Each structure stands twice: as structure tokens, then as C-alpha cells.
Amino acid sequence: MVKYRAGRINEEVKKVVSSIIQNDIKDPRLSSNILISVTRVEVTKDLGYATVFVSILGNDADKELSLKILKKSAGFIRRGVGKEVKLRVTPEIIIELDNSIEHGMHINDILQKIKKTGENND
């Protein structure tokens, strides 16, 4: 029962944080050619902290700048989560970079190369 509730809280916070990042953060340094997506959220059992994992697609300089902007916007994001998600305590937001999407794309490229070399050998 407790795990089910934790999963619902994680998903609700993820949805709200994603919406805030896409629609409410008006920093001009976040250019429109950078894709930022929230991959997962882990809220602690005491609701004190929420670790938000974001995937940023773009070049390395843009990634670093975007992550820095998001970390500085953590208070703004927390306030938005507090307004949208009704919890006893609004968790402190911790932004972390998640490279799983890029890693998956890299593995997919390797598999496609293997597939092509396999077809050429036949």
C-alpha cells in the first residue's frame, strides 16, 4: 500500500515539474532548440526531498548551461509543485542529469551497425 502511494506521488510530481519546465520557466538562456524532458522523480518517504532526473538533448555547452539554469530554478519549481500537488510538506527539489536516453540511442546505433554488417556478410 505504501509503495503504491509513493509511486503515485512520484508520477504526480513528475507531471507537474515537467509542465513547469516546459511552460513556466521564462529564462531566455533556455533556447528552444534544446529538448529537456523529465525522465523520473524519486520522492523520499518523509516527503522532504524530490530528486528530479532530467534528460537534456543538445550539445555539451547547452547541456551544462541548461542544467545550471534548472538547478537555480529549483525554488521556483518547488513553489509550483506546492501549489499543484497537495502534500503535507512540499519536497525540496534536487535536479540531476540523466543520460539514459542518450545511452539508449548509442546502443541503438551500435545495434544498427551490427545489423548492417550482418546483412553485408550474407
Protein backbone atom coordinates (compact mmCIF):
# COMPACT_ATOMS: atom_id res chain seq x y z
CA MET A 1 0.00 0.00 0.00
CA VAL A 2 2.79 2.45 0.87
CA LYS A 3 4.72 1.69 -2.34
CA TYR A 4 1.60 2.36 -4.39
CA ARG A 5 1.18 5.79 -2.78
CA ALA A 6 4.86 6.63 -3.29
CA GLY A 7 4.54 5.75 -6.97
CA ARG A 8 1.51 7.99 -7.37
CA ILE A 9 3.29 10.89 -5.65
CA ASN A 10 6.37 10.40 -7.85
CA GLU A 11 4.27 10.44 -11.03
CA GLU A 12 2.22 13.46 -9.96
CA VAL A 13 5.35 15.47 -9.07
CA LYS A 14 6.95 14.38 -12.36
CA LYS A 15 3.94 15.62 -14.34
CA VAL A 16 3.88 18.99 -12.54
CA VAL A 17 7.66 19.54 -12.75
CA SER A 18 7.63 18.70 -16.46
CA SER A 19 4.84 21.20 -17.05
CA ILE A 20 6.66 23.91 -15.08
CA ILE A 21 9.91 23.38 -17.01
CA GLN A 22 8.15 23.45 -20.39
CA ASN A 23 5.70 26.29 -19.77
CA ASP A 24 6.62 28.46 -16.78
CA ILE A 25 10.40 28.94 -16.72
CA LYS A 26 10.97 32.06 -18.80
CA ASP A 27 14.77 32.18 -18.74
CA PRO A 28 15.92 33.41 -22.19
CA ARG A 29 19.08 31.29 -21.94
CA LEU A 30 16.95 28.15 -22.27
CA SER A 31 16.79 28.15 -26.04
CA SER A 32 14.02 26.43 -27.96
CA ASN A 33 16.44 24.08 -29.77
CA ILE A 34 17.23 22.22 -26.52
CA LEU A 35 14.95 19.36 -25.57
CA ILE A 36 14.53 18.95 -21.81
CA SER A 37 12.47 16.04 -20.51
CA VAL A 38 11.86 14.77 -17.01
CA THR A 39 12.66 11.05 -17.04
CA ARG A 40 11.77 10.19 -13.45
CA VAL A 41 11.23 11.60 -9.97
CA GLU A 42 12.10 9.98 -6.65
CA VAL A 43 10.44 11.48 -3.59
CA THR A 44 11.79 10.40 -0.20
CA LYS A 45 9.45 8.64 2.23
CA ASP A 46 9.27 11.66 4.52
CA LEU A 47 8.47 13.91 1.52
CA GLY A 48 11.46 16.09 2.37
CA TYR A 49 13.29 15.81 -0.93
CA ALA A 50 12.37 15.08 -4.54
CA THR A 51 15.19 14.13 -6.88
CA VAL A 52 14.20 15.09 -10.42
CA PHE A 53 16.13 13.35 -13.20
CA VAL A 54 16.18 15.34 -16.44
CA SER A 55 17.45 14.39 -19.85
CA ILE A 56 18.81 17.25 -21.94
CA LEU A 57 19.41 16.74 -25.65
CA GLY A 58 21.77 19.22 -27.28
CA ASN A 59 25.47 19.96 -27.42
CA ASP A 60 27.59 19.76 -24.26
CA ALA A 61 27.79 23.52 -23.64
CA ASP A 62 24.00 23.87 -23.91
CA LYS A 63 23.50 20.87 -21.62
CA GLU A 64 25.74 22.33 -18.95
CA LEU A 65 24.09 25.75 -19.13
CA SER A 66 20.57 24.28 -19.10
CA LEU A 67 21.34 22.08 -16.09
CA LYS A 68 22.78 25.08 -14.25
CA ILE A 69 19.64 27.13 -15.02
CA LEU A 70 17.36 24.31 -13.87
CA LYS A 71 19.29 23.92 -10.61
CA LYS A 72 18.99 27.67 -9.96
CA SER A 73 15.24 27.43 -10.70
CA ALA A 74 14.70 24.71 -8.07
CA GLY A 75 12.99 27.13 -5.66
CA PHE A 76 10.61 28.32 -8.39
CA ILE A 77 9.84 24.71 -9.34
CA ARG A 78 9.26 23.83 -5.68
CA ARG A 79 6.78 26.67 -5.30
CA GLY A 80 4.90 25.44 -8.38
CA VAL A 81 4.83 21.88 -7.04
CA GLY A 82 3.50 23.19 -3.72
CA LYS A 83 0.62 24.94 -5.50
CA GLU A 84 -0.32 21.99 -7.73
CA VAL A 85 0.31 18.91 -5.55
CA LYS A 86 -1.45 18.83 -2.21
CA LEU A 87 1.01 17.27 0.22
CA ARG A 88 1.74 17.76 3.90
CA VAL A 89 5.22 19.03 3.06
CA THR A 90 6.43 20.39 -0.25
CA PRO A 91 9.63 18.50 -1.06
CA GLU A 92 12.87 20.30 -1.76
CA ILE A 93 13.74 19.85 -5.44
CA ILE A 94 17.11 18.39 -6.42
CA ILE A 95 17.85 18.38 -10.16
CA GLU A 96 20.10 15.62 -11.54
CA LEU A 97 21.18 14.87 -15.11
CA ASP A 98 20.02 11.55 -16.58
CA ASN A 99 21.90 10.27 -19.63
CA SER A 100 19.77 7.16 -20.14
CA ILE A 101 18.11 8.40 -23.35
CA GLU A 102 21.47 9.23 -24.94
CA HIS A 103 22.85 5.89 -23.78
CA GLY A 104 19.88 4.11 -25.36
CA MET A 105 20.40 5.99 -28.63
CA HIS A 106 24.08 5.00 -28.62
CA ILE A 107 23.20 1.33 -28.08
CA ASN A 108 20.62 1.54 -30.87
CA ASP A 109 23.28 2.95 -33.24
CA ILE A 110 25.62 0.08 -32.37
CA LEU A 111 22.87 -2.47 -32.99
CA GLN A 112 22.04 -0.88 -36.36
CA LYS A 113 25.73 -1.07 -37.39
CA ILE A 114 25.88 -4.74 -36.36
CA LYS A 115 22.69 -5.43 -38.31
CA LYS A 116 24.13 -3.76 -41.44
CA THR A 117 27.42 -5.69 -41.24
CA GLY A 118 25.44 -8.91 -40.76
CA GLU A 119 23.38 -8.21 -43.89
CA ASN A 120 26.53 -7.45 -45.90
CA ASN A 121 28.12 -10.77 -44.93
CA ASP A 122 25.17 -12.81 -46.19
